[in-house]
Amino acid sequence: MTSTHRAVLIGGVLLSLLSAGASSMPSSGRSTKAGKVIFDESCATCHETDSMVRKVGPGLKGYFSTHRPRPTDQGVRQLIEKGAGTMPPFPNFDSHQMQELIDYLRTL
């Protein structure tokens, strides 16, 4: 799977979170650092982290704090794994990598 495909998938996952409920906070600073590495390699091509401006996919700044209902980890996971809209699926992250990525996204 290419980094472009992963980035597009993550955008789709994040879009599906708009309809999800509340979820947990990041588990650790180490997890969010690892998640940033995953994001930079797989998602940054299509998504901004410092704004809500659309690149190929939506900008993700404040995504977890501004959308109502609040996105859930499970909703984000499904969006990333299955894709949505123009974002292809990214089914190859293991559960630990997926949680690291979600923990990072929560910090934006």
C-alpha atoms as a PDB file:
ATOM      1  CA  MET A   1       0.000   0.000   0.000  1.00  0.00           C
ATOM      2  CA  THR A   2       1.399   3.400  -0.941  1.00  0.00           C
ATOM      3  CA  SER A   3       1.560   6.389   1.352  1.00  0.00           C
ATOM      4  CA  THR A   4      -0.866   8.220  -0.949  1.00  0.00           C
ATOM      5  CA  HIS A   5      -3.422   5.447  -0.525  1.00  0.00           C
ATOM      6  CA  ARG A   6      -3.012   5.544   3.246  1.00  0.00           C
ATOM      7  CA  ALA A   7      -3.450   9.314   3.310  1.00  0.00           C
ATOM      8  CA  VAL A   8      -6.598   9.172   1.258  1.00  0.00           C
ATOM      9  CA  LEU A   9      -7.992   6.419   3.490  1.00  0.00           C
ATOM     10  CA  ILE A  10      -7.370   8.366   6.660  1.00  0.00           C
ATOM     11  CA  GLY A  11      -9.253  11.334   5.235  1.00  0.00           C
ATOM     12  CA  GLY A  12     -12.239   9.126   4.565  1.00  0.00           C
ATOM     13  CA  VAL A  13     -12.035   7.661   8.043  1.00  0.00           C
ATOM     14  CA  LEU A  14     -12.034  11.093   9.548  1.00  0.00           C
ATOM     15  CA  LEU A  15     -15.069  12.099   7.520  1.00  0.00           C
ATOM     16  CA  SER A  16     -17.027   9.156   8.900  1.00  0.00           C
ATOM     17  CA  LEU A  17     -16.266  10.277  12.425  1.00  0.00           C
ATOM     18  CA  LEU A  18     -18.593  13.203  12.014  1.00  0.00           C
ATOM     19  CA  SER A  19     -21.468  10.886  12.837  1.00  0.00           C
ATOM     20  CA  ALA A  20     -19.834   9.093  15.784  1.00  0.00           C
ATOM     21  CA  GLY A  21     -20.076   9.632  19.554  1.00  0.00           C
ATOM     22  CA  ALA A  22     -17.529  10.385  22.313  1.00  0.00           C
ATOM     23  CA  SER A  23     -14.296   8.447  22.737  1.00  0.00           C
ATOM     24  CA  SER A  24     -11.134   8.227  24.804  1.00  0.00           C
ATOM     25  CA  MET A  25      -8.184  10.575  24.989  1.00  0.00           C
ATOM     26  CA  PRO A  26      -4.681   9.749  23.711  1.00  0.00           C
ATOM     27  CA  SER A  27      -2.974   7.058  25.755  1.00  0.00           C
ATOM     28  CA  SER A  28       0.545   8.514  25.965  1.00  0.00           C
ATOM     29  CA  GLY A  29       3.009  11.010  24.569  1.00  0.00           C
ATOM     30  CA  ARG A  30       4.995   8.137  23.087  1.00  0.00           C
ATOM     31  CA  SER A  31       1.895   6.908  21.280  1.00  0.00           C
ATOM     32  CA  THR A  32       1.180  10.337  19.794  1.00  0.00           C
ATOM     33  CA  LYS A  33       4.781  10.686  18.608  1.00  0.00           C
ATOM     34  CA  ALA A  34       4.585   7.317  16.889  1.00  0.00           C
ATOM     35  CA  GLY A  35       1.214   8.345  15.440  1.00  0.00           C
ATOM     36  CA  LYS A  36       2.749  11.511  14.001  1.00  0.00           C
ATOM     37  CA  VAL A  37       5.356   9.412  12.182  1.00  0.00           C
ATOM     38  CA  ILE A  38       2.577   7.239  10.736  1.00  0.00           C
ATOM     39  CA  PHE A  39       0.613  10.342   9.753  1.00  0.00           C
ATOM     40  CA  ASP A  40       3.626  11.983   8.116  1.00  0.00           C
ATOM     41  CA  GLU A  41       4.339   8.834   6.096  1.00  0.00           C
ATOM     42  CA  SER A  42       0.777   7.912   5.194  1.00  0.00           C
ATOM     43  CA  CYS A  43      -1.572  10.878   5.486  1.00  0.00           C
ATOM     44  CA  ALA A  44       0.238  14.205   5.119  1.00  0.00           C
ATOM     45  CA  THR A  45       0.154  14.058   1.335  1.00  0.00           C
ATOM     46  CA  CYS A  46      -3.605  14.594   1.420  1.00  0.00           C
ATOM     47  CA  HIS A  47      -4.334  16.206   4.811  1.00  0.00           C
ATOM     48  CA  GLU A  48      -3.241  19.388   6.580  1.00  0.00           C
ATOM     49  CA  THR A  49      -2.648  19.204  10.337  1.00  0.00           C
ATOM     50  CA  ASP A  50      -2.356  22.906  11.066  1.00  0.00           C
ATOM     51  CA  SER A  51      -5.570  24.063   9.411  1.00  0.00           C
ATOM     52  CA  MET A  52      -8.976  22.929   8.249  1.00  0.00           C
ATOM     53  CA  VAL A  53      -8.103  23.767   4.646  1.00  0.00           C
ATOM     54  CA  ARG A  54      -8.726  20.985   2.146  1.00  0.00           C
ATOM     55  CA  LYS A  55      -5.770  19.511   0.284  1.00  0.00           C
ATOM     56  CA  VAL A  56      -6.885  16.314  -1.438  1.00  0.00           C
ATOM     57  CA  GLY A  57      -8.760  15.410   1.750  1.00  0.00           C
ATOM     58  CA  PRO A  58      -9.997  17.670   4.551  1.00  0.00           C
ATOM     59  CA  GLY A  59      -7.702  19.575   6.879  1.00  0.00           C
ATOM     60  CA  LEU A  60      -7.717  17.895  10.283  1.00  0.00           C
ATOM     61  CA  LYS A  61      -6.886  20.653  12.767  1.00  0.00           C
ATOM     62  CA  GLY A  62      -9.357  20.464  15.629  1.00  0.00           C
ATOM     63  CA  TYR A  63     -11.200  17.551  14.079  1.00  0.00           C
ATOM     64  CA  PHE A  64     -11.875  15.721  17.338  1.00  0.00           C
ATOM     65  CA  SER A  65     -12.650  18.876  19.303  1.00  0.00           C
ATOM     66  CA  THR A  66     -14.883  20.715  16.829  1.00  0.00           C
ATOM     67  CA  HIS A  67     -17.122  18.098  15.218  1.00  0.00           C
ATOM     68  CA  ARG A  68     -20.466  17.150  16.733  1.00  0.00           C
ATOM     69  CA  PRO A  69     -21.286  14.501  17.530  1.00  0.00           C
ATOM     70  CA  ARG A  70     -17.736  13.779  18.644  1.00  0.00           C
ATOM     71  CA  PRO A  71     -15.808  11.226  16.564  1.00  0.00           C
ATOM     72  CA  THR A  72     -15.085   7.862  18.191  1.00  0.00           C
ATOM     73  CA  ASP A  73     -11.974   5.729  17.896  1.00  0.00           C
ATOM     74  CA  GLN A  74     -14.060   2.961  16.339  1.00  0.00           C
ATOM     75  CA  GLY A  75     -15.551   5.322  13.755  1.00  0.00           C
ATOM     76  CA  VAL A  76     -12.107   6.593  12.755  1.00  0.00           C
ATOM     77  CA  ARG A  77     -10.764   3.046  12.639  1.00  0.00           C
ATOM     78  CA  GLN A  78     -13.553   1.974  10.290  1.00  0.00           C
ATOM     79  CA  LEU A  79     -13.057   4.982   8.046  1.00  0.00           C
ATOM     80  CA  ILE A  80      -9.333   4.297   7.732  1.00  0.00           C
ATOM     81  CA  GLU A  81      -9.749   0.555   7.208  1.00  0.00           C
ATOM     82  CA  LYS A  82     -12.637   0.746   4.732  1.00  0.00           C
ATOM     83  CA  GLY A  83     -12.200   4.143   3.094  1.00  0.00           C
ATOM     84  CA  ALA A  84     -14.973   6.529   2.092  1.00  0.00           C
ATOM     85  CA  GLY A  85     -15.684   8.824  -0.826  1.00  0.00           C
ATOM     86  CA  THR A  86     -12.421   9.409  -2.665  1.00  0.00           C
ATOM     87  CA  MET A  87     -10.342   7.980   0.166  1.00  0.00           C
ATOM     88  CA  PRO A  88      -9.301   4.381  -0.495  1.00  0.00           C
ATOM     89  CA  PRO A  89      -9.169   1.776   2.269  1.00  0.00           C
ATOM     90  CA  PHE A  90      -6.033   1.345   4.375  1.00  0.00           C
ATOM     91  CA  PRO A  91      -6.500  -2.089   5.940  1.00  0.00           C
ATOM     92  CA  ASN A  92      -2.820  -2.803   6.649  1.00  0.00           C
ATOM     93  CA  PHE A  93      -2.285  -0.918   9.924  1.00  0.00           C
ATOM     94  CA  ASP A  94      -2.131  -3.275  12.880  1.00  0.00           C
ATOM     95  CA  SER A  95      -4.260  -2.401  15.911  1.00  0.00           C
ATOM     96  CA  HIS A  96      -1.339  -0.770  17.736  1.00  0.00           C
ATOM     97  CA  GLN A  97      -0.420   1.441  14.769  1.00  0.00           C
ATOM     98  CA  MET A  98      -4.055   2.385  14.297  1.00  0.00           C
ATOM     99  CA  GLN A  99      -4.380   3.484  17.923  1.00  0.00           C
ATOM    100  CA  GLU A 100      -1.144   5.479  17.688  1.00  0.00           C
ATOM    101  CA  LEU A 101      -2.480   7.264  14.616  1.00  0.00           C
ATOM    102  CA  ILE A 102      -5.823   7.998  16.296  1.00  0.00           C
ATOM    103  CA  ASP A 103      -4.040   9.242  19.420  1.00  0.00           C
ATOM    104  CA  TYR A 104      -2.056  11.641  17.251  1.00  0.00           C
ATOM    105  CA  LEU A 105      -5.134  12.859  15.378  1.00  0.00           C
ATOM    106  CA  ARG A 106      -6.714  13.745  18.723  1.00  0.00           C
ATOM    107  CA  THR A 107      -3.868  16.186  19.423  1.00  0.00           C
ATOM    108  CA  LEU A 108      -4.515  18.283  16.328  1.00  0.00           C
END
